[in-house]
Every structure is written in C-alpha cells, then in structure tokens.
Protein backbone atom coordinates (compact mmCIF):
# COMPACT_ATOMS: atom_id res chain seq x y z
CA UNK A 1 -165.11 -2.24 -141.92
CA UNK A 2 -162.35 -3.76 -139.83
CA UNK A 3 -160.15 -1.19 -137.86
CA UNK A 4 -157.00 -2.74 -139.32
CA UNK A 5 -157.82 -2.48 -142.94
CA UNK A 6 -155.39 -0.50 -145.08
CA UNK A 7 -154.93 0.46 -148.63
CA UNK A 8 -152.05 -1.69 -149.03
CA UNK A 9 -152.97 -5.14 -150.18
CA UNK A 10 -152.77 -8.40 -148.64
CA UNK A 11 -150.63 -10.57 -151.11
CA UNK A 12 -151.87 -14.11 -151.29
CA UNK A 13 -149.30 -16.52 -152.87
CA UNK A 14 -149.79 -20.09 -154.25
CA UNK A 15 -147.41 -21.72 -156.46
CA UNK A 16 -147.16 -25.71 -156.13
CA UNK A 17 -149.71 -28.30 -155.73
CA UNK A 18 -151.77 -29.66 -158.80
CA UNK A 19 -155.23 -30.10 -157.24
CA UNK A 20 -158.07 -27.78 -156.13
CA UNK A 21 -157.29 -28.37 -152.40
CA UNK A 22 -155.11 -25.27 -152.21
CA UNK A 23 -158.01 -23.24 -153.83
CA UNK A 24 -160.55 -24.48 -151.33
CA UNK A 25 -158.45 -23.34 -148.47
CA UNK A 26 -157.74 -19.87 -149.90
CA UNK A 27 -161.29 -18.99 -151.17
CA UNK A 28 -162.80 -18.78 -147.92
CA UNK A 29 -159.68 -16.72 -146.47
CA UNK A 30 -159.98 -14.32 -149.35
CA UNK A 31 -163.78 -13.96 -148.93
CA UNK A 32 -163.26 -13.12 -145.27
CA UNK A 33 -160.42 -10.77 -146.06
CA UNK A 34 -162.86 -8.99 -148.60
CA UNK A 35 -165.70 -9.10 -146.32
CA UNK A 36 -163.67 -7.07 -143.86
CA UNK A 37 -162.80 -4.57 -146.46
CA UNK A 38 -159.35 -5.45 -147.22
CA UNK A 39 -157.79 -5.33 -150.64
CA UNK A 40 -156.39 -8.64 -151.81
CA UNK A 41 -153.92 -9.59 -154.82
CA UNK A 42 -153.29 -13.07 -155.67
CA UNK A 43 -149.77 -14.15 -157.25
CA UNK A 44 -149.97 -17.71 -158.42
CA UNK A 45 -148.20 -20.17 -160.70
CA UNK A 46 -151.12 -20.66 -163.18
CA UNK A 47 -153.28 -17.45 -163.35
CA UNK A 48 -155.14 -18.79 -166.35
CA UNK A 49 -156.44 -21.76 -164.34
CA UNK A 50 -156.93 -20.14 -160.89
CA UNK A 51 -158.32 -16.48 -162.14
CA UNK A 52 -161.75 -18.33 -163.15
CA UNK A 53 -162.23 -19.77 -159.69
CA UNK A 54 -161.99 -16.10 -158.25
CA UNK A 55 -164.30 -14.72 -160.96
CA UNK A 56 -167.02 -13.95 -158.31
CA UNK A 57 -164.53 -11.28 -157.04
CA UNK A 58 -163.58 -9.17 -159.87
CA UNK A 59 -161.75 -6.68 -157.56
CA UNK A 60 -159.21 -9.49 -156.74
CA UNK A 61 -156.22 -8.97 -158.91
CA UNK A 62 -154.55 -12.28 -160.17
CA UNK A 63 -150.99 -12.06 -161.02
CA UNK A 64 -148.26 -14.33 -162.48
CA UNK A 65 -145.80 -15.05 -159.74
CA UNK A 66 -141.85 -15.14 -160.53
CA UNK A 67 -140.51 -18.60 -160.99
CA UNK A 68 -137.27 -20.36 -161.39
CA UNK A 69 -136.85 -20.39 -165.21
CA UNK A 70 -134.30 -23.14 -165.70
CA UNK A 71 -135.97 -26.53 -165.44
CA UNK A 72 -134.31 -28.89 -162.98
CA UNK A 73 -134.39 -32.64 -163.53
CA UNK A 74 -134.13 -35.20 -160.54
CA UNK A 75 -133.58 -38.80 -161.21
CA UNK A 76 -135.01 -40.00 -157.91
CA UNK A 77 -138.28 -39.39 -156.32
CA UNK A 78 -138.70 -36.97 -153.44
CA UNK A 79 -138.26 -38.66 -150.06
CA UNK A 80 -138.21 -35.69 -147.68
CA UNK A 81 -139.03 -31.96 -147.08
CA UNK A 82 -135.48 -30.91 -148.29
CA UNK A 83 -136.24 -32.71 -151.67
CA UNK A 84 -139.37 -30.81 -152.16
CA UNK A 85 -137.62 -27.53 -151.54
CA UNK A 86 -134.67 -28.33 -153.94
CA UNK A 87 -137.48 -29.07 -156.64
CA UNK A 88 -138.95 -25.62 -155.94
CA UNK A 89 -135.70 -23.97 -157.22
CA UNK A 90 -133.22 -23.91 -154.41
CA UNK A 91 -131.33 -26.65 -156.03
CA UNK A 92 -129.77 -24.03 -158.46
CA UNK A 93 -128.62 -21.13 -156.07
CA UNK A 94 -127.84 -18.94 -159.20
CA UNK A 95 -131.23 -19.30 -160.61
CA UNK A 96 -132.84 -19.16 -157.11
CA UNK A 97 -131.12 -15.77 -156.54
CA UNK A 98 -132.62 -14.39 -159.75
CA UNK A 99 -136.11 -15.51 -158.80
CA UNK A 100 -135.68 -14.09 -155.27
CA UNK A 101 -134.76 -10.75 -156.50
CA UNK A 102 -137.87 -10.89 -158.99
CA UNK A 103 -139.76 -11.24 -155.80
CA UNK A 104 -138.41 -8.38 -154.17
CA UNK A 105 -139.10 -6.23 -157.17
CA UNK A 106 -142.52 -7.45 -157.17
CA UNK A 107 -142.96 -6.61 -153.55
CA UNK A 108 -141.77 -3.10 -154.23
CA UNK A 109 -144.38 -2.85 -156.91
CA UNK A 110 -147.16 -4.16 -154.89
CA UNK A 111 -146.24 -2.74 -151.47
CA UNK A 112 -148.19 -5.52 -149.66
CA UNK A 113 -148.99 -4.95 -145.97
CA UNK A 114 -148.64 -8.59 -145.22
CA UNK A 115 -148.10 -11.84 -147.40
CA UNK A 116 -149.91 -15.06 -146.92
CA UNK A 117 -147.88 -17.98 -148.52
CA UNK A 118 -149.44 -21.25 -149.34
CA UNK A 119 -147.10 -23.95 -150.90
CA UNK A 120 -144.64 -21.21 -152.17
CA UNK A 121 -141.15 -21.95 -150.52
CA UNK A 122 -139.41 -19.28 -152.82
CA UNK A 123 -141.85 -16.72 -151.94
CA UNK A 124 -141.58 -17.50 -148.30
CA UNK A 125 -137.77 -17.21 -148.50
CA UNK A 126 -138.17 -13.86 -150.34
CA UNK A 127 -140.73 -12.32 -147.80
CA UNK A 128 -138.04 -12.80 -145.13
CA UNK A 129 -135.32 -11.48 -147.33
CA UNK A 130 -137.32 -8.21 -148.07
CA UNK A 131 -138.58 -7.91 -144.44
CA UNK A 132 -142.24 -8.05 -145.40
CA UNK A 133 -144.64 -9.45 -142.80
CA UNK A 134 -145.59 -13.02 -143.52
CA UNK A 135 -147.83 -16.01 -142.51
CA UNK A 136 -147.34 -19.36 -143.99
CA UNK A 137 -150.35 -21.54 -144.18
CA UNK A 138 -150.62 -25.25 -144.87
CA UNK A 139 -151.01 -28.73 -143.46
CA UNK A 140 -148.51 -31.05 -142.05
CA UNK A 141 -146.79 -32.30 -145.19
CA UNK A 142 -146.34 -28.62 -146.24
CA UNK A 143 -145.04 -27.48 -142.95
CA UNK A 144 -142.92 -30.18 -141.44
CA UNK A 145 -141.54 -30.28 -138.01
CA UNK A 146 -138.23 -28.80 -137.22
CA UNK A 147 -136.44 -32.07 -136.24
CA UNK A 148 -134.12 -33.33 -139.07
CA UNK A 149 -134.78 -36.90 -140.61
CA UNK A 150 -138.32 -36.26 -141.57
CA UNK A 151 -139.11 -38.38 -144.53
CA UNK A 152 -142.21 -39.13 -146.73
CA UNK A 153 -141.89 -42.88 -146.76
CA UNK A 154 -141.54 -43.91 -143.08
CA UNK A 155 -142.44 -47.67 -144.19
CA UNK A 156 -139.26 -47.99 -145.78
CA UNK A 157 -136.27 -49.09 -143.57
CA UNK A 158 -133.39 -47.80 -145.58
CA UNK A 159 -134.38 -44.23 -146.13
CA UNK A 160 -132.26 -42.53 -143.66
CA UNK A 161 -129.18 -42.10 -145.83
CA UNK A 162 -131.14 -40.49 -148.62
CA UNK A 163 -132.84 -38.39 -146.33
CA UNK A 164 -129.69 -37.13 -144.72
CA UNK A 165 -128.06 -36.61 -148.01
CA UNK A 166 -130.93 -34.44 -149.36
CA UNK A 167 -130.71 -32.40 -146.32
CA UNK A 168 -127.05 -31.84 -146.55
CA UNK A 169 -127.46 -30.83 -150.54
CA UNK A 170 -130.21 -28.25 -149.31
CA UNK A 171 -127.91 -26.89 -146.68
CA UNK A 172 -125.17 -26.35 -148.99
CA UNK A 173 -127.59 -24.73 -151.52
CA UNK A 174 -129.30 -22.39 -149.01
CA UNK A 175 -125.76 -21.17 -147.81
CA UNK A 176 -124.54 -20.57 -151.37
CA UNK A 177 -127.99 -18.65 -152.09
CA UNK A 178 -127.51 -16.38 -148.94
CA UNK A 179 -123.79 -15.56 -150.04
CA UNK A 180 -125.10 -14.63 -153.40
CA UNK A 181 -127.68 -12.33 -152.26
CA UNK A 182 -125.52 -10.40 -149.64
CA UNK A 183 -124.14 -8.08 -152.29
CA UNK A 184 -127.55 -7.51 -153.78
CA UNK A 185 -129.20 -6.68 -150.36
CA UNK A 186 -126.68 -4.84 -148.34
CA UNK A 187 -129.40 -3.10 -146.41
CA UNK A 188 -130.77 -6.52 -145.42
CA UNK A 189 -127.65 -7.98 -144.19
CA UNK A 190 -128.98 -9.03 -140.78
CA UNK A 191 -131.80 -11.00 -142.59
CA UNK A 192 -129.53 -12.48 -144.97
CA UNK A 193 -127.25 -13.65 -142.17
CA UNK A 194 -130.09 -15.31 -140.64
CA UNK A 195 -130.91 -16.96 -143.88
CA UNK A 196 -127.55 -18.28 -144.17
CA UNK A 197 -127.74 -19.64 -140.66
CA UNK A 198 -131.35 -21.23 -141.42
CA UNK A 199 -130.06 -24.23 -143.46
CA UNK A 200 -133.08 -26.68 -143.25
CA UNK A 201 -136.68 -26.49 -144.24
CA UNK A 202 -137.87 -26.54 -140.65
CA UNK A 203 -135.46 -23.86 -139.66
CA UNK A 204 -136.61 -21.52 -142.53
CA UNK A 205 -140.13 -22.08 -141.50
CA UNK A 206 -139.22 -21.11 -137.99
CA UNK A 207 -138.35 -17.59 -139.34
CA UNK A 208 -141.93 -16.70 -139.83
CA UNK A 209 -145.24 -17.35 -138.34
CA UNK A 210 -147.06 -20.43 -139.59
CA UNK A 211 -150.54 -21.97 -139.27
CA UNK A 212 -151.06 -25.55 -139.63
CA UNK A 213 -154.45 -26.29 -141.07
CA UNK A 214 -155.00 -29.77 -139.71
CA UNK A 215 -155.99 -31.67 -136.54
CA UNK A 216 -153.28 -33.59 -134.84
CA UNK A 217 -155.02 -36.87 -135.74
CA UNK A 218 -154.41 -35.84 -139.52
CA UNK A 219 -150.80 -34.92 -139.16
CA UNK A 220 -148.57 -36.14 -141.99
CA UNK A 221 -145.71 -36.48 -139.28
CA UNK A 222 -145.52 -37.54 -135.64
CA UNK A 223 -144.68 -34.27 -133.73
CA UNK A 224 -145.38 -32.41 -130.52
CA UNK A 225 -149.08 -32.47 -130.30
CA UNK A 226 -149.25 -29.37 -128.09
CA UNK A 227 -148.11 -27.15 -130.94
CA UNK A 228 -150.14 -24.10 -130.78
CA UNK A 229 -150.21 -23.64 -134.61
CA UNK A 230 -152.67 -26.46 -135.17
CA UNK A 231 -155.69 -24.50 -136.35
CA UNK A 232 -157.93 -27.24 -137.86
CA UNK A 233 -158.50 -28.00 -141.47
CA UNK A 234 -160.16 -25.86 -143.86
CA UNK A 235 -162.72 -27.11 -146.45
CA UNK A 236 -164.98 -25.30 -148.74
CA UNK A 237 -167.17 -25.78 -151.87
CA UNK A 238 -165.73 -24.53 -155.11
CA UNK A 239 -167.90 -21.71 -156.73
CA UNK A 240 -170.72 -22.81 -158.93
CA UNK A 241 -171.03 -26.14 -156.89
CA UNK A 242 -174.62 -27.68 -157.04
CA UNK A 243 -176.50 -29.82 -154.51
CA UNK A 244 -176.75 -33.56 -155.27
CA UNK A 245 -179.10 -36.13 -153.91
CA UNK A 246 -178.62 -39.81 -153.36
CA UNK A 247 -180.12 -42.27 -156.01
CA UNK A 248 -183.19 -43.86 -154.66
CA UNK A 249 -181.41 -47.32 -154.56
CA UNK A 250 -180.89 -49.84 -151.87
CA UNK A 251 -177.51 -50.62 -150.26
CA UNK A 252 -175.09 -48.89 -148.40
CA UNK A 253 -174.34 -45.45 -149.57
CA UNK A 254 -170.78 -45.05 -150.59
CA UNK A 255 -169.57 -41.62 -151.61
CA UNK A 256 -166.20 -41.53 -153.89
CA UNK A 257 -164.24 -38.22 -154.41
CA UNK A 258 -161.76 -39.58 -156.87
CA UNK A 259 -160.32 -38.58 -160.27
CA UNK A 260 -161.40 -41.21 -163.01
CA UNK A 261 -158.61 -41.22 -165.56
CA UNK A 262 -158.56 -44.74 -166.49
CA UNK A 263 -160.34 -48.03 -165.81
CA UNK A 264 -157.80 -49.08 -163.13
CA UNK A 265 -160.70 -49.10 -160.46
CA UNK A 266 -162.73 -51.91 -162.25
CA UNK A 267 -162.07 -54.27 -159.42
CA UNK A 268 -163.11 -51.77 -156.75
CA UNK A 269 -166.39 -50.94 -158.69
CA UNK A 270 -166.97 -54.90 -159.02
CA UNK A 271 -166.38 -55.33 -155.09
CA UNK A 272 -168.75 -52.59 -154.21
CA UNK A 273 -171.25 -54.10 -156.51
CA UNK A 274 -171.00 -57.37 -154.90
CA UNK A 275 -171.82 -55.82 -151.67
CA UNK A 276 -174.86 -54.22 -153.29
CA UNK A 277 -173.59 -50.62 -152.47
CA UNK A 278 -175.29 -47.62 -153.66
CA UNK A 279 -172.19 -45.65 -155.07
CA UNK A 280 -171.99 -42.00 -156.08
CA UNK A 281 -168.54 -40.77 -157.64
CA UNK A 282 -167.57 -37.07 -157.58
CA UNK A 283 -164.94 -36.57 -160.32
CA UNK A 284 -164.91 -33.00 -161.57
CA UNK A 285 -161.38 -33.50 -163.14
CA UNK A 286 -161.94 -36.80 -164.53
CA UNK A 287 -161.82 -37.97 -168.07
CA UNK A 288 -165.03 -38.28 -170.18
CA UNK A 289 -164.40 -41.89 -171.15
CA UNK A 290 -163.31 -43.18 -167.73
CA UNK A 291 -166.30 -41.42 -166.13
CA UNK A 292 -168.53 -43.25 -168.74
CA UNK A 293 -166.82 -46.54 -168.07
CA UNK A 294 -167.65 -46.28 -164.44
CA UNK A 295 -171.07 -45.50 -165.26
CA UNK A 296 -171.25 -48.82 -166.95
CA UNK A 297 -171.19 -50.47 -163.56
CA UNK A 298 -174.36 -48.82 -162.58
CA UNK A 299 -172.74 -45.92 -160.78
CA UNK A 300 -173.63 -42.32 -160.52
CA UNK A 301 -170.78 -40.12 -161.68
CA UNK A 302 -170.83 -36.31 -161.36
CA UNK A 303 -168.24 -34.49 -163.28
CA UNK A 304 -169.62 -30.98 -161.98
CA UNK A 305 -168.57 -29.34 -158.66
CA UNK A 306 -171.09 -30.68 -156.01
CA UNK A 307 -171.92 -29.23 -152.46
CA UNK A 308 -170.51 -31.94 -150.35
CA UNK A 309 -172.66 -30.68 -147.38
CA UNK A 310 -175.72 -31.85 -149.62
CA UNK A 311 -174.56 -35.43 -149.90
CA UNK A 312 -172.02 -36.46 -147.45
CA UNK A 313 -174.27 -36.41 -144.20
CA UNK A 314 -176.31 -39.19 -145.98
CA UNK A 315 -173.53 -41.64 -146.86
CA UNK A 316 -172.34 -44.62 -144.86
CA UNK A 317 -168.75 -44.75 -146.09
CA UNK A 318 -166.37 -42.52 -148.03
CA UNK A 319 -163.57 -43.32 -150.41
CA UNK A 320 -161.10 -40.70 -151.43
CA UNK A 321 -157.37 -40.03 -152.60
CA UNK A 322 -156.18 -38.57 -149.32
CA UNK A 323 -156.51 -34.96 -149.70
CA UNK A 324 -156.77 -33.13 -146.43
CA UNK A 325 -159.82 -31.21 -147.01
CA UNK A 326 -162.33 -34.02 -147.99
CA UNK A 327 -160.61 -36.41 -145.65
CA UNK A 328 -161.14 -34.15 -142.66
CA UNK A 329 -164.54 -33.29 -143.70
CA UNK A 330 -165.73 -37.13 -144.01
CA UNK A 331 -164.11 -37.65 -140.36
CA UNK A 332 -165.79 -34.72 -139.10
CA UNK A 333 -169.11 -36.17 -140.35
CA UNK A 334 -168.22 -39.53 -138.60
CA UNK A 335 -167.73 -41.58 -141.97
CA UNK A 336 -165.44 -44.52 -142.25
CA UNK A 337 -162.72 -43.79 -144.72
CA UNK A 338 -161.01 -45.67 -147.43
CA UNK A 339 -158.06 -44.07 -149.28
CA UNK A 340 -156.43 -44.75 -152.68
CA UNK A 341 -153.65 -42.26 -152.73
CA UNK A 342 -152.23 -41.29 -156.31
CA UNK A 343 -149.24 -39.09 -155.06
CA UNK A 344 -146.65 -38.58 -152.23
CA UNK A 345 -148.50 -36.31 -150.18
CA UNK A 346 -151.73 -38.49 -150.13
CA UNK A 347 -149.74 -41.65 -149.80
CA UNK A 348 -148.14 -40.23 -146.35
CA UNK A 349 -151.57 -39.16 -145.04
CA UNK A 350 -152.90 -42.58 -145.96
CA UNK A 351 -150.14 -44.40 -144.29
CA UNK A 352 -150.43 -42.24 -141.12
CA UNK A 353 -154.20 -42.65 -140.85
CA UNK A 354 -153.95 -46.40 -141.43
CA UNK A 355 -151.59 -46.73 -138.56
CA UNK A 356 -153.83 -44.72 -136.43
CA UNK A 357 -156.95 -46.75 -137.25
CA UNK A 358 -158.58 -43.96 -138.96
CA UNK A 359 -158.71 -45.16 -142.53
CA UNK A 360 -158.22 -48.47 -144.51
CA UNK A 361 -156.12 -48.13 -147.68
CA UNK A 362 -155.89 -49.75 -150.89
CA UNK A 363 -152.38 -50.28 -151.92
CA UNK A 364 -152.82 -52.39 -155.01
CA UNK A 365 -155.97 -51.73 -157.42
CA UNK A 366 -155.20 -54.80 -159.48
CA UNK A 367 -155.41 -57.16 -156.59
CA UNK A 368 -158.92 -58.63 -156.27
CA UNK A 369 -158.45 -60.39 -152.96
CA UNK A 370 -156.88 -57.16 -151.44
CA UNK A 371 -159.56 -54.86 -152.79
CA UNK A 372 -162.30 -57.19 -151.53
CA UNK A 373 -160.77 -57.22 -147.98
CA UNK A 374 -160.58 -53.42 -147.85
CA UNK A 375 -164.15 -53.01 -149.03
CA UNK A 376 -165.40 -55.41 -146.41
CA UNK A 377 -163.28 -53.32 -143.57
CA UNK A 378 -164.71 -50.27 -144.96
CA UNK A 379 -168.34 -51.43 -145.00
CA UNK A 380 -168.33 -53.88 -141.88
CA UNK A 381 -165.49 -53.10 -139.58
CA UNK A 382 -167.27 -51.78 -136.41
CA UNK A 383 -163.99 -50.55 -134.84
CA UNK A 384 -163.26 -48.30 -137.93
CA UNK A 385 -166.67 -47.04 -137.78
CA UNK A 386 -166.44 -46.17 -134.06
CA UNK A 387 -163.06 -44.41 -134.46
CA UNK A 388 -164.70 -42.19 -137.10
CA UNK A 389 -167.43 -41.45 -134.79
CA UNK A 390 -165.05 -40.46 -132.00
CA UNK A 391 -163.25 -37.97 -134.25
CA UNK A 392 -166.70 -36.67 -135.17
CA UNK A 393 -167.47 -36.23 -131.47
CA UNK A 394 -164.14 -34.87 -130.58
CA UNK A 395 -164.73 -32.10 -133.11
CA UNK A 396 -168.46 -31.65 -132.98
CA UNK A 397 -168.07 -27.93 -132.34
CA UNK A 398 -165.34 -27.38 -135.04
CA UNK A 399 -166.09 -25.34 -137.95
CA UNK A 400 -163.62 -24.49 -140.82
CA UNK A 401 -164.73 -20.92 -140.37
CA UNK A 402 -162.64 -20.89 -137.11
CA UNK A 403 -159.25 -21.43 -138.63
CA UNK A 404 -160.34 -18.83 -141.52
CA UNK A 405 -161.07 -16.30 -138.96
CA UNK A 406 -157.95 -16.95 -136.75
CA UNK A 407 -155.82 -16.63 -140.09
CA UNK A 408 -157.42 -13.42 -141.10
CA UNK A 409 -157.26 -12.05 -137.59
CA UNK A 410 -153.47 -12.81 -137.63
CA UNK A 411 -153.08 -11.04 -140.97
CA UNK A 412 -155.08 -8.00 -140.01
CA UNK A 413 -153.43 -8.01 -136.77
CA UNK A 414 -150.03 -7.84 -138.48
CA UNK A 415 -151.25 -4.95 -140.54
CA UNK A 416 -152.62 -3.17 -137.37
CA UNK A 417 -149.11 -3.58 -135.71
CA UNK A 418 -147.26 -1.90 -138.61
CA UNK A 419 -149.75 1.13 -138.98
CA UNK A 420 -148.33 4.41 -138.03
CA UNK A 421 -149.13 5.24 -134.35
CA UNK A 422 -150.51 1.88 -133.82
CA UNK A 423 -148.71 1.51 -130.43
CA UNK A 424 -150.73 4.52 -129.23
CA UNK A 425 -154.18 3.00 -130.01
C-alpha cells in the first residue's frame, strides 16, 4: 500500500465531452489509484452511461455531479475557449453561483483529499473556491495557453473580433460570479478575490496545477514547447474489449476508427475499394443500419470494443475522426493518418496536424476527386509515412503508463503534503 494513502477519497470529476476518450483517459488513472490502495469517488455528468464502464471496480462510487440547471442557448458556434466556458454555465452568474455552492456542499459531504478534474470547468472553479487541492487533466483543446486571442478556427481570417468579444463577456461574467459569491463565502475571501482577478480561461487554469496529456506535436495550439506539463497522451482499451485479427485478404490494410451513422462515407469506401485496400472499421457507437451499409462494400465492421493493440500494429494506414487517444496511438505505431473530423475539437487537431505534415484531412466527404486525392496521399505519400515513422522513433520509449503514473504521483503527493505531521517525515 502506498504511504500516501488516506481514508479520504480522491474525487474524480468528468462532466463535458460526448465520446469515450475521457473514459479511456480516466480508467487507467482510477486503476492505478485503486492498485495503490486509494479510495476513489467519481462525479460525472451521466452516471447511468459511465457507471457500467467502471463496473469492474464495484468499490468505486459513481455520483451525479452538480450542473447548471437553466439551459442556455447560443446562436453562434463556439470559436474560442471563452465560448466553451460560457456554455459550461458561466454565462449566467446567478445560476453559476448556485451550482458552485452545490459543489461546495458536495465537497463538504465527501471530504475529498484531492480532486482530479477532467473537462469540468465549474468543478475546477469550485475546488479553488473551496480551497481543496486540485489537479486538472486534459489535452491542448481542454487546457488552452494563457495568451489571449486563442481560437478554434485559425484558418479563418476574421475571427479575432468574435474571440475578443467572447473573452470580454466571460471576463464580465466571472467578475459578477465572484462578487455574488463573496457574501456566501466570507471565510474564503482571499480565494474569491483571486477568482475575481482571474478573468480568462488561461488565468483560471493557472490557479491550479494541470497536466497536459499530449505530445507537443499533437497540441491543438501553438504554445511554448518547453512547458513542463506536457506529460504525453493516455490511451487505454475499454473494458470487455476483444482482440481482432485482419481478414485474410490482399491489399493495403487500412484501419478505420470512426462512428458510422449514415451513408456519407460511401465515396471513401469506393476510393479505398478502387485501391484494393483491405479495410476494417471499428465503430462501437455506430448505427446498425449504417454499419450494415458499410459491410455492403466488402468491409469488415466491428461494433464491439476491440483491443487496438491486437490489430493496429499490422495495418498500413489509419483513418479516424481526430480524437487524441487513437490519433496518438496510430502515430506512436508509425502509421500514416487520415482524419475526418466531425466536431470542433477534432477539426482543430486535424488542422494542426495537417499543417505540421502529420496527417491528411478530408474536408468534404461528398467530393469524389478530393477523396481520391486524400486516399492516394494516405496510401502512397512517402513523406507522410516518413513523418509518422519519425514520431514513432521519437517516442519509441513512451508508454501511456508514464503519464498515468506521473498524474497519480502528483495526486498522492498532494495527499501526503496535507497529512498531519507530513513535514516531519
């Protein structure tokens, strides 16, 4: 048992994000905490969906976290980190105040020794408000740099005014929230004052330690590459994942990890078929009829969780949406990558990897010539393949266990520092 274990739990919080990438990142961290004998409690946005994924750890309690109860509507798409935080509840200071105080009550009930926050801005805010040790974990999109003006669409030339406006709205909201909290938390006046002064996403993140789970080459932004909190990506197979072997067919082996929800990828299947590719699609969240339609192209489609370690090494190229875990895993294996982003976070990573020469991207699934060009690049571009091999060699000694152990060490080190008489050890 680790010397820093305490009866007080580590509270792990995850609220936002609709895919399984967050779970794949948190599972090995929870596993390691439990292996070292530490109690763990999960507070999540959707306990009914997340609970079964931790069913192999029945000692882990899964709770519903406090949420801003009034739905907020936004007419424009999010273009910067400030927009994300406004959508996470900060746009309405009165309702954000209620939620923050609910977090404080939850902290009083659970008495956590430390909180690990993943994609939960309101929980991050509340942990600092309550004076509870906290570590924020995420990749570049979730942990943007401190510099103002960061945006999610750097390919657009007229985005600076919208970004500046959103940052000003968030600044006003955060000042209003801190002012509203001051009478409620007189004992925390110093912390509330600092919250009032931290009026941007980057400034709030700087109030607490954070761990960036990515390599510098896979950062969503251009920032100081010497930043010490680049720990490296975490990937992990989900519970009940099974091995899968390649079909005994000729042609280049192309592994696709994508969600099949319609027939919009028919031109991609056609282009791969024209190259004689041996295609396997992993689509655990795919719609049955869409998966069946893909099988009509002679493609093997698995709708069950698959051990990626069993099939990824044998492929010649990879196609994905742009999730951090799978993209990192593919480049670590030295595979050329093509990305088909379906949401903002993936689109920004695809853009950055494209300009860094680490991926080719499909921007229009209905343009036959465009898709043919991209598939040709994926399968025949020697420079793309070489850059993937260079990443693989650069991180040959890397294991996702390394950032997991660093994060757990940080968490347990924080616990040790707060134990009675810890300074005398």
